[in-house]
Amino acid sequence: MAIILTGIFVFAVLAMRVTRAFSLEKWQVSIGLVILAAVLYFLNILLIRFFIKARAPEFANDENWDKTAGLSVVPRWVSLIGLLAISAFITAVLPWIIALFK
């Protein structure tokens, strides 16, 4: 949870700086963050599949890949990429949700 919250903070600060530096609208930066979240999410999936196939090939072909959890088959930095995808998506969507209920 701390990583997600830190990611939200970092993406919010970067989004604010990008908005000011390039004179972009808020919706343009939000779309950019959603695209970044999608890219990070798919990169996370590809890396998870790669490491499971490379380090535990017996689990790669069936649906029992979840048994590899906790065995250090997938490095932590790959999981961090997935958490950053969640952070980028929340950073993109949360301001619009708050504005909707304002």
Protein backbone atom coordinates (compact mmCIF):
# COMPACT_ATOMS: atom_id res chain seq x y z
CA MET A 1 0.00 0.00 0.00
CA ALA A 2 2.87 2.35 0.77
CA ILE A 3 4.33 1.81 -2.69
CA ILE A 4 1.02 2.63 -4.35
CA LEU A 5 0.60 5.80 -2.29
CA THR A 6 4.18 6.87 -2.98
CA GLY A 7 3.62 6.20 -6.68
CA ILE A 8 0.46 8.31 -6.66
CA PHE A 9 2.37 11.17 -5.05
CA VAL A 10 5.26 10.93 -7.52
CA PHE A 11 2.97 10.68 -10.56
CA ALA A 12 0.88 13.62 -9.30
CA VAL A 13 3.96 15.81 -8.90
CA LEU A 14 5.32 14.76 -12.30
CA ALA A 15 1.92 15.33 -13.93
CA MET A 16 1.75 18.83 -12.45
CA ARG A 17 5.24 19.64 -13.71
CA VAL A 18 4.52 18.24 -17.20
CA THR A 19 1.27 20.22 -17.34
CA ARG A 20 3.10 23.46 -16.55
CA ALA A 21 6.21 22.79 -18.66
CA PHE A 22 4.35 21.89 -21.86
CA SER A 23 1.21 24.01 -21.30
CA LEU A 24 -1.04 20.96 -21.52
CA GLU A 25 -4.60 20.62 -20.36
CA LYS A 26 -5.48 18.41 -17.42
CA TRP A 27 -7.31 15.89 -19.61
CA GLN A 28 -4.26 15.47 -21.86
CA VAL A 29 -2.05 14.58 -18.92
CA SER A 30 -4.72 12.21 -17.60
CA ILE A 31 -4.86 10.39 -20.94
CA GLY A 32 -1.06 10.19 -20.91
CA LEU A 33 -1.16 8.65 -17.42
CA VAL A 34 -3.79 6.11 -18.47
CA ILE A 35 -1.63 5.13 -21.46
CA LEU A 36 1.40 4.86 -19.17
CA ALA A 37 -0.62 2.69 -16.78
CA ALA A 38 -1.65 0.39 -19.63
CA VAL A 39 1.93 0.08 -20.89
CA LEU A 40 3.22 -0.68 -17.38
CA TYR A 41 0.44 -3.22 -16.83
CA PHE A 42 1.16 -5.13 -20.04
CA LEU A 43 4.91 -4.94 -19.38
CA ASN A 44 4.25 -6.43 -15.94
CA ILE A 45 2.27 -9.31 -17.46
CA LEU A 46 4.93 -10.01 -20.08
CA LEU A 47 7.72 -9.99 -17.51
CA ILE A 48 5.80 -12.27 -15.14
CA ARG A 49 5.22 -14.77 -17.95
CA PHE A 50 8.85 -14.53 -19.01
CA PHE A 51 10.25 -15.19 -15.54
CA ILE A 52 7.84 -18.05 -14.85
CA LYS A 53 8.78 -19.69 -18.16
CA ALA A 54 12.49 -19.13 -17.51
CA ARG A 55 12.68 -20.11 -13.84
CA ALA A 56 9.77 -22.50 -13.37
CA PRO A 57 8.86 -23.98 -16.76
CA GLU A 58 6.76 -26.73 -15.19
CA PHE A 59 4.20 -24.08 -14.20
CA ALA A 60 4.31 -22.11 -17.47
CA ASN A 61 1.92 -24.21 -19.56
CA ASP A 62 -0.94 -24.81 -17.16
CA GLU A 63 -3.05 -22.71 -14.88
CA ASN A 64 -1.04 -23.58 -11.75
CA TRP A 65 1.30 -20.61 -12.10
CA ASP A 66 -0.11 -19.11 -8.89
CA LYS A 67 1.74 -21.84 -6.96
CA THR A 68 4.94 -19.95 -7.76
CA ALA A 69 3.92 -17.14 -5.38
CA GLY A 70 6.41 -16.66 -2.59
CA LEU A 71 9.11 -18.77 -4.26
CA SER A 72 11.05 -15.76 -5.66
CA VAL A 73 10.40 -16.89 -9.22
CA VAL A 74 9.39 -13.38 -10.25
CA PRO A 75 11.68 -10.58 -9.03
CA ARG A 76 10.28 -7.86 -6.80
CA TRP A 77 10.99 -5.14 -9.34
CA VAL A 78 8.53 -6.80 -11.72
CA SER A 79 5.86 -6.57 -9.04
CA LEU A 80 6.85 -2.94 -8.50
CA ILE A 81 6.06 -2.23 -12.16
CA GLY A 82 2.55 -3.62 -11.61
CA LEU A 83 2.08 -1.47 -8.52
CA LEU A 84 3.23 1.60 -10.44
CA ALA A 85 0.63 0.82 -13.11
CA ILE A 86 -2.04 0.95 -10.41
CA SER A 87 -0.59 4.23 -9.11
CA ALA A 88 -0.56 5.83 -12.56
CA PHE A 89 -4.17 4.82 -13.19
CA ILE A 90 -5.35 6.16 -9.82
CA THR A 91 -3.45 9.41 -10.40
CA ALA A 92 -5.16 9.81 -13.78
CA VAL A 93 -8.70 9.00 -12.65
CA LEU A 94 -8.93 10.33 -9.08
CA PRO A 95 -8.99 14.08 -9.94
CA TRP A 96 -11.90 13.48 -12.32
CA ILE A 97 -13.84 11.52 -9.70
CA ILE A 98 -13.27 14.25 -7.13
CA ALA A 99 -14.38 16.92 -9.63
CA LEU A 100 -17.49 14.90 -10.42
CA PHE A 101 -18.67 14.98 -6.80
CA LYS A 102 -17.64 18.56 -6.12
